[in-house]
């Protein structure tokens, strides 16, 4: 068993859009043994540092470059790239695709290859794919023409519960906005006698 630890500090703006991130991780702190036989073979520690910051911020799009530095048993590598995000608004409560973004990313992985990806980001779900093009001549590399799919489920963690809101005169857009903000809601119909 391997013991690892890491921290990620990130910030978002009032629209819940990523502004910056800074993080690091250490893998194999306990230097686990990897041999099935009596030989002494242990994994070395691995260090990761990552950083990113939004450099273009418009209402409809943003550009977010980032870099990942890795040190794997004495070998250093850099993974650098950027994500272009196009933001769209959809207030139709009956449409399964709500407001979110379409993200296109491009990354260069030192001595390995280039990856191009597309993701659809919603409030609680991200789905997309990435295709990796090799730039090195390393045979049997996991990076050779690899197609990857990803799905992320998100649930924000809140430290305190907001007060319950009561609506008497409402429309579906108001209810969806409160639902999207994870606010408790009591809906009452006015009964006129």
C-alpha atoms as a PDB file:
ATOM      1  CA  UNK A   1       0.000   0.000   0.000  1.00  0.00           C
ATOM      2  CA  UNK A   2       1.202   3.457  -0.886  1.00  0.00           C
ATOM      3  CA  UNK A   3       0.696   6.565   1.256  1.00  0.00           C
ATOM      4  CA  UNK A   4       0.365   9.896  -0.542  1.00  0.00           C
ATOM      5  CA  UNK A   5      -0.623  13.418   0.423  1.00  0.00           C
ATOM      6  CA  UNK A   6      -1.380  16.666  -1.349  1.00  0.00           C
ATOM      7  CA  UNK A   7      -2.958  20.104  -1.075  1.00  0.00           C
ATOM      8  CA  UNK A   8      -4.755  22.216  -3.669  1.00  0.00           C
ATOM      9  CA  UNK A   9      -5.662  25.860  -3.096  1.00  0.00           C
ATOM     10  CA  UNK A  10      -7.934  27.442  -5.680  1.00  0.00           C
ATOM     11  CA  UNK A  11     -10.183  30.439  -6.065  1.00  0.00           C
ATOM     12  CA  UNK A  12     -13.359  31.156  -7.979  1.00  0.00           C
ATOM     13  CA  UNK A  13     -15.155  34.381  -8.791  1.00  0.00           C
ATOM     14  CA  UNK A  14     -18.785  35.318  -8.093  1.00  0.00           C
ATOM     15  CA  UNK A  15     -19.850  33.385 -11.221  1.00  0.00           C
ATOM     16  CA  UNK A  16     -18.142  30.220  -9.871  1.00  0.00           C
ATOM     17  CA  UNK A  17     -15.495  30.413 -12.580  1.00  0.00           C
ATOM     18  CA  UNK A  18     -11.949  29.318 -11.768  1.00  0.00           C
ATOM     19  CA  UNK A  19      -9.496  32.199 -11.198  1.00  0.00           C
ATOM     20  CA  UNK A  20      -6.334  30.461  -9.945  1.00  0.00           C
ATOM     21  CA  UNK A  21      -4.965  27.232  -8.493  1.00  0.00           C
ATOM     22  CA  UNK A  22      -1.799  26.288  -6.666  1.00  0.00           C
ATOM     23  CA  UNK A  23      -1.059  22.829  -5.371  1.00  0.00           C
ATOM     24  CA  UNK A  24       1.394  20.107  -4.628  1.00  0.00           C
ATOM     25  CA  UNK A  25       1.501  16.419  -3.825  1.00  0.00           C
ATOM     26  CA  UNK A  26       3.929  13.765  -2.650  1.00  0.00           C
ATOM     27  CA  UNK A  27       3.357  10.134  -3.655  1.00  0.00           C
ATOM     28  CA  UNK A  28       4.753   6.935  -2.071  1.00  0.00           C
ATOM     29  CA  UNK A  29       5.740   8.558   1.227  1.00  0.00           C
ATOM     30  CA  UNK A  30       6.186   5.125   2.804  1.00  0.00           C
ATOM     31  CA  UNK A  31       8.249   3.809  -0.177  1.00  0.00           C
ATOM     32  CA  UNK A  32       6.146   0.651  -0.644  1.00  0.00           C
ATOM     33  CA  UNK A  33       7.687  -2.588  -1.831  1.00  0.00           C
ATOM     34  CA  UNK A  34       6.657  -3.580  -5.352  1.00  0.00           C
ATOM     35  CA  UNK A  35       8.252  -6.999  -5.741  1.00  0.00           C
ATOM     36  CA  UNK A  36       6.227 -10.205  -5.656  1.00  0.00           C
ATOM     37  CA  UNK A  37       9.414 -12.128  -4.903  1.00  0.00           C
ATOM     38  CA  UNK A  38      12.020 -11.880  -2.151  1.00  0.00           C
ATOM     39  CA  UNK A  39      13.915  -9.085  -3.912  1.00  0.00           C
ATOM     40  CA  UNK A  40      14.093  -5.650  -2.310  1.00  0.00           C
ATOM     41  CA  UNK A  41      12.381  -3.293  -4.744  1.00  0.00           C
ATOM     42  CA  UNK A  42      10.699  -0.145  -3.478  1.00  0.00           C
ATOM     43  CA  UNK A  43       8.926   2.739  -5.183  1.00  0.00           C
ATOM     44  CA  UNK A  44      10.668   6.097  -4.880  1.00  0.00           C
ATOM     45  CA  UNK A  45       8.895   9.254  -3.802  1.00  0.00           C
ATOM     46  CA  UNK A  46       7.252  11.360  -6.488  1.00  0.00           C
ATOM     47  CA  UNK A  47       6.670  15.110  -6.248  1.00  0.00           C
ATOM     48  CA  UNK A  48       4.071  17.129  -8.161  1.00  0.00           C
ATOM     49  CA  UNK A  49       3.614  20.918  -8.219  1.00  0.00           C
ATOM     50  CA  UNK A  50       0.847  22.598 -10.202  1.00  0.00           C
ATOM     51  CA  UNK A  51      -0.240  26.165 -10.863  1.00  0.00           C
ATOM     52  CA  UNK A  52      -2.674  27.998 -13.099  1.00  0.00           C
ATOM     53  CA  UNK A  53      -4.202  31.449 -13.472  1.00  0.00           C
ATOM     54  CA  UNK A  54      -6.900  32.945 -15.670  1.00  0.00           C
ATOM     55  CA  UNK A  55      -5.324  35.486 -18.051  1.00  0.00           C
ATOM     56  CA  UNK A  56      -8.374  36.402 -20.172  1.00  0.00           C
ATOM     57  CA  UNK A  57     -11.790  36.920 -18.605  1.00  0.00           C
ATOM     58  CA  UNK A  58     -14.732  37.973 -20.732  1.00  0.00           C
ATOM     59  CA  UNK A  59     -18.434  37.389 -20.134  1.00  0.00           C
ATOM     60  CA  UNK A  60     -18.631  34.715 -22.849  1.00  0.00           C
ATOM     61  CA  UNK A  61     -15.138  33.161 -22.691  1.00  0.00           C
ATOM     62  CA  UNK A  62     -11.903  32.804 -20.747  1.00  0.00           C
ATOM     63  CA  UNK A  63      -8.382  31.466 -21.252  1.00  0.00           C
ATOM     64  CA  UNK A  64      -6.690  29.606 -18.414  1.00  0.00           C
ATOM     65  CA  UNK A  65      -3.049  28.439 -18.797  1.00  0.00           C
ATOM     66  CA  UNK A  66      -1.603  25.976 -16.286  1.00  0.00           C
ATOM     67  CA  UNK A  67       1.564  24.013 -15.652  1.00  0.00           C
ATOM     68  CA  UNK A  68       2.338  20.739 -13.836  1.00  0.00           C
ATOM     69  CA  UNK A  69       5.884  19.912 -12.742  1.00  0.00           C
ATOM     70  CA  UNK A  70       6.673  16.301 -11.823  1.00  0.00           C
ATOM     71  CA  UNK A  71       9.758  14.728 -10.311  1.00  0.00           C
ATOM     72  CA  UNK A  72       9.677  10.962 -10.673  1.00  0.00           C
ATOM     73  CA  UNK A  73      12.658   9.135  -9.148  1.00  0.00           C
ATOM     74  CA  UNK A  74      15.218  11.701 -10.265  1.00  0.00           C
ATOM     75  CA  UNK A  75      13.587  12.487 -13.627  1.00  0.00           C
ATOM     76  CA  UNK A  76      11.867  15.850 -14.102  1.00  0.00           C
ATOM     77  CA  UNK A  77       9.057  16.591 -16.530  1.00  0.00           C
ATOM     78  CA  UNK A  78       6.777  19.506 -17.339  1.00  0.00           C
ATOM     79  CA  UNK A  79       3.187  19.397 -18.537  1.00  0.00           C
ATOM     80  CA  UNK A  80       1.994  22.811 -19.792  1.00  0.00           C
ATOM     81  CA  UNK A  81      -1.062  23.999 -21.655  1.00  0.00           C
ATOM     82  CA  UNK A  82      -4.190  26.103 -21.657  1.00  0.00           C
ATOM     83  CA  UNK A  83      -7.960  25.762 -21.603  1.00  0.00           C
ATOM     84  CA  UNK A  84     -10.292  27.945 -23.651  1.00  0.00           C
ATOM     85  CA  UNK A  85     -13.787  28.082 -22.117  1.00  0.00           C
ATOM     86  CA  UNK A  86     -16.918  29.309 -23.904  1.00  0.00           C
ATOM     87  CA  UNK A  87     -19.722  30.097 -21.433  1.00  0.00           C
ATOM     88  CA  UNK A  88     -23.380  29.807 -22.335  1.00  0.00           C
ATOM     89  CA  UNK A  89     -26.604  30.668 -20.546  1.00  0.00           C
ATOM     90  CA  UNK A  90     -29.733  28.519 -20.594  1.00  0.00           C
ATOM     91  CA  UNK A  91     -32.564  29.428 -18.226  1.00  0.00           C
ATOM     92  CA  UNK A  92     -35.097  26.975 -19.666  1.00  0.00           C
ATOM     93  CA  UNK A  93     -36.043  24.755 -16.678  1.00  0.00           C
ATOM     94  CA  UNK A  94     -37.171  21.945 -19.026  1.00  0.00           C
ATOM     95  CA  UNK A  95     -33.899  21.713 -20.953  1.00  0.00           C
ATOM     96  CA  UNK A  96     -31.520  19.022 -19.606  1.00  0.00           C
ATOM     97  CA  UNK A  97     -28.485  21.161 -20.556  1.00  0.00           C
ATOM     98  CA  UNK A  98     -28.399  24.143 -18.200  1.00  0.00           C
ATOM     99  CA  UNK A  99     -26.003  27.077 -18.122  1.00  0.00           C
ATOM    100  CA  UNK A 100     -22.374  25.993 -18.259  1.00  0.00           C
ATOM    101  CA  UNK A 101     -19.336  25.972 -20.508  1.00  0.00           C
ATOM    102  CA  UNK A 102     -17.750  24.183 -23.421  1.00  0.00           C
ATOM    103  CA  UNK A 103     -14.032  23.772 -22.730  1.00  0.00           C
ATOM    104  CA  UNK A 104     -11.301  23.063 -25.295  1.00  0.00           C
ATOM    105  CA  UNK A 105      -7.838  22.266 -23.941  1.00  0.00           C
ATOM    106  CA  UNK A 106      -4.404  21.699 -25.444  1.00  0.00           C
ATOM    107  CA  UNK A 107      -1.392  20.456 -23.470  1.00  0.00           C
ATOM    108  CA  UNK A 108       2.227  19.584 -24.151  1.00  0.00           C
ATOM    109  CA  UNK A 109       3.759  16.776 -22.095  1.00  0.00           C
ATOM    110  CA  UNK A 110       7.558  16.930 -22.148  1.00  0.00           C
ATOM    111  CA  UNK A 111       9.150  13.993 -24.006  1.00  0.00           C
ATOM    112  CA  UNK A 112       5.753  12.339 -24.465  1.00  0.00           C
ATOM    113  CA  UNK A 113       3.233  14.138 -26.625  1.00  0.00           C
ATOM    114  CA  UNK A 114       0.428  16.594 -27.139  1.00  0.00           C
ATOM    115  CA  UNK A 115      -3.134  16.177 -25.894  1.00  0.00           C
ATOM    116  CA  UNK A 116      -6.270  17.878 -27.200  1.00  0.00           C
ATOM    117  CA  UNK A 117      -9.506  17.692 -25.207  1.00  0.00           C
ATOM    118  CA  UNK A 118     -13.129  18.838 -25.239  1.00  0.00           C
ATOM    119  CA  UNK A 119     -15.458  18.937 -22.196  1.00  0.00           C
ATOM    120  CA  UNK A 120     -19.015  20.013 -21.501  1.00  0.00           C
ATOM    121  CA  UNK A 121     -19.216  21.497 -17.991  1.00  0.00           C
ATOM    122  CA  UNK A 122     -22.483  21.745 -16.097  1.00  0.00           C
ATOM    123  CA  UNK A 123     -23.125  22.677 -12.472  1.00  0.00           C
ATOM    124  CA  UNK A 124     -22.814  19.134 -11.095  1.00  0.00           C
ATOM    125  CA  UNK A 125     -21.381  17.242 -14.080  1.00  0.00           C
ATOM    126  CA  UNK A 126     -18.432  17.432 -16.467  1.00  0.00           C
ATOM    127  CA  UNK A 127     -18.136  15.029 -19.419  1.00  0.00           C
ATOM    128  CA  UNK A 128     -15.619  14.963 -22.236  1.00  0.00           C
ATOM    129  CA  UNK A 129     -12.739  13.282 -23.992  1.00  0.00           C
ATOM    130  CA  UNK A 130      -9.020  13.789 -24.661  1.00  0.00           C
ATOM    131  CA  UNK A 131      -6.890  12.423 -27.476  1.00  0.00           C
ATOM    132  CA  UNK A 132      -3.128  12.044 -27.018  1.00  0.00           C
ATOM    133  CA  UNK A 133      -0.708  12.368 -29.942  1.00  0.00           C
ATOM    134  CA  UNK A 134       2.804  10.985 -29.295  1.00  0.00           C
ATOM    135  CA  UNK A 135       5.835  13.146 -30.090  1.00  0.00           C
ATOM    136  CA  UNK A 136       8.507  10.747 -28.821  1.00  0.00           C
ATOM    137  CA  UNK A 137       9.720   7.486 -30.288  1.00  0.00           C
ATOM    138  CA  UNK A 138       9.228   5.514 -27.058  1.00  0.00           C
ATOM    139  CA  UNK A 139       7.568   2.231 -27.951  1.00  0.00           C
ATOM    140  CA  UNK A 140       4.824   0.754 -25.770  1.00  0.00           C
ATOM    141  CA  UNK A 141       4.234   4.150 -24.191  1.00  0.00           C
ATOM    142  CA  UNK A 142       0.849   4.614 -22.563  1.00  0.00           C
ATOM    143  CA  UNK A 143       0.701   7.930 -24.400  1.00  0.00           C
ATOM    144  CA  UNK A 144       0.724   6.516 -27.957  1.00  0.00           C
ATOM    145  CA  UNK A 145      -2.529   7.528 -29.691  1.00  0.00           C
ATOM    146  CA  UNK A 146      -4.621   7.196 -26.538  1.00  0.00           C
ATOM    147  CA  UNK A 147      -8.283   8.240 -26.410  1.00  0.00           C
ATOM    148  CA  UNK A 148      -9.509   9.010 -22.895  1.00  0.00           C
ATOM    149  CA  UNK A 149     -13.049   9.722 -21.701  1.00  0.00           C
ATOM    150  CA  UNK A 150     -13.813  11.467 -18.439  1.00  0.00           C
ATOM    151  CA  UNK A 151     -16.853  12.098 -16.273  1.00  0.00           C
ATOM    152  CA  UNK A 152     -16.760  14.230 -13.119  1.00  0.00           C
ATOM    153  CA  UNK A 153     -19.624  14.416 -10.639  1.00  0.00           C
ATOM    154  CA  UNK A 154     -19.537  17.470  -8.366  1.00  0.00           C
ATOM    155  CA  UNK A 155     -21.345  18.210  -5.143  1.00  0.00           C
ATOM    156  CA  UNK A 156     -20.374  21.385  -3.288  1.00  0.00           C
ATOM    157  CA  UNK A 157     -19.730  21.031   0.416  1.00  0.00           C
ATOM    158  CA  UNK A 158     -21.233  23.822   2.504  1.00  0.00           C
ATOM    159  CA  UNK A 159     -20.282  24.633   6.061  1.00  0.00           C
ATOM    160  CA  UNK A 160     -23.627  26.113   7.059  1.00  0.00           C
ATOM    161  CA  UNK A 161     -27.157  25.852   5.778  1.00  0.00           C
ATOM    162  CA  UNK A 162     -28.718  29.000   4.321  1.00  0.00           C
ATOM    163  CA  UNK A 163     -32.132  30.076   5.602  1.00  0.00           C
ATOM    164  CA  UNK A 164     -35.224  28.536   4.037  1.00  0.00           C
ATOM    165  CA  UNK A 165     -36.898  30.803   1.473  1.00  0.00           C
ATOM    166  CA  UNK A 166     -40.645  30.901   0.977  1.00  0.00           C
ATOM    167  CA  UNK A 167     -42.132  31.908  -2.360  1.00  0.00           C
ATOM    168  CA  UNK A 168     -45.810  32.674  -2.812  1.00  0.00           C
ATOM    169  CA  UNK A 169     -45.759  34.315  -6.230  1.00  0.00           C
ATOM    170  CA  UNK A 170     -43.227  32.521  -8.391  1.00  0.00           C
ATOM    171  CA  UNK A 171     -42.303  31.356 -11.850  1.00  0.00           C
ATOM    172  CA  UNK A 172     -40.252  28.348 -12.964  1.00  0.00           C
ATOM    173  CA  UNK A 173     -37.152  30.465 -13.617  1.00  0.00           C
ATOM    174  CA  UNK A 174     -37.130  31.697  -9.990  1.00  0.00           C
ATOM    175  CA  UNK A 175     -37.469  28.139  -8.679  1.00  0.00           C
ATOM    176  CA  UNK A 176     -34.646  26.882 -10.919  1.00  0.00           C
ATOM    177  CA  UNK A 177     -32.346  29.744  -9.815  1.00  0.00           C
ATOM    178  CA  UNK A 178     -32.924  28.880  -6.151  1.00  0.00           C
ATOM    179  CA  UNK A 179     -32.431  25.181  -6.887  1.00  0.00           C
ATOM    180  CA  UNK A 180     -29.181  25.935  -8.748  1.00  0.00           C
ATOM    181  CA  UNK A 181     -27.927  27.850  -5.692  1.00  0.00           C
ATOM    182  CA  UNK A 182     -28.719  24.811  -3.461  1.00  0.00           C
ATOM    183  CA  UNK A 183     -31.100  26.843  -1.334  1.00  0.00           C
ATOM    184  CA  UNK A 184     -33.930  25.241   0.588  1.00  0.00           C
ATOM    185  CA  UNK A 185     -37.266  26.295  -0.787  1.00  0.00           C
ATOM    186  CA  UNK A 186     -40.879  26.153   0.313  1.00  0.00           C
ATOM    187  CA  UNK A 187     -43.375  26.901  -2.433  1.00  0.00           C
ATOM    188  CA  UNK A 188     -46.895  27.918  -1.427  1.00  0.00           C
ATOM    189  CA  UNK A 189     -49.812  28.694  -3.637  1.00  0.00           C
ATOM    190  CA  UNK A 190     -52.026  31.567  -2.617  1.00  0.00           C
ATOM    191  CA  UNK A 191     -55.563  30.292  -2.268  1.00  0.00           C
ATOM    192  CA  UNK A 192     -58.211  32.891  -2.855  1.00  0.00           C
ATOM    193  CA  UNK A 193     -61.591  31.991  -1.435  1.00  0.00           C
END
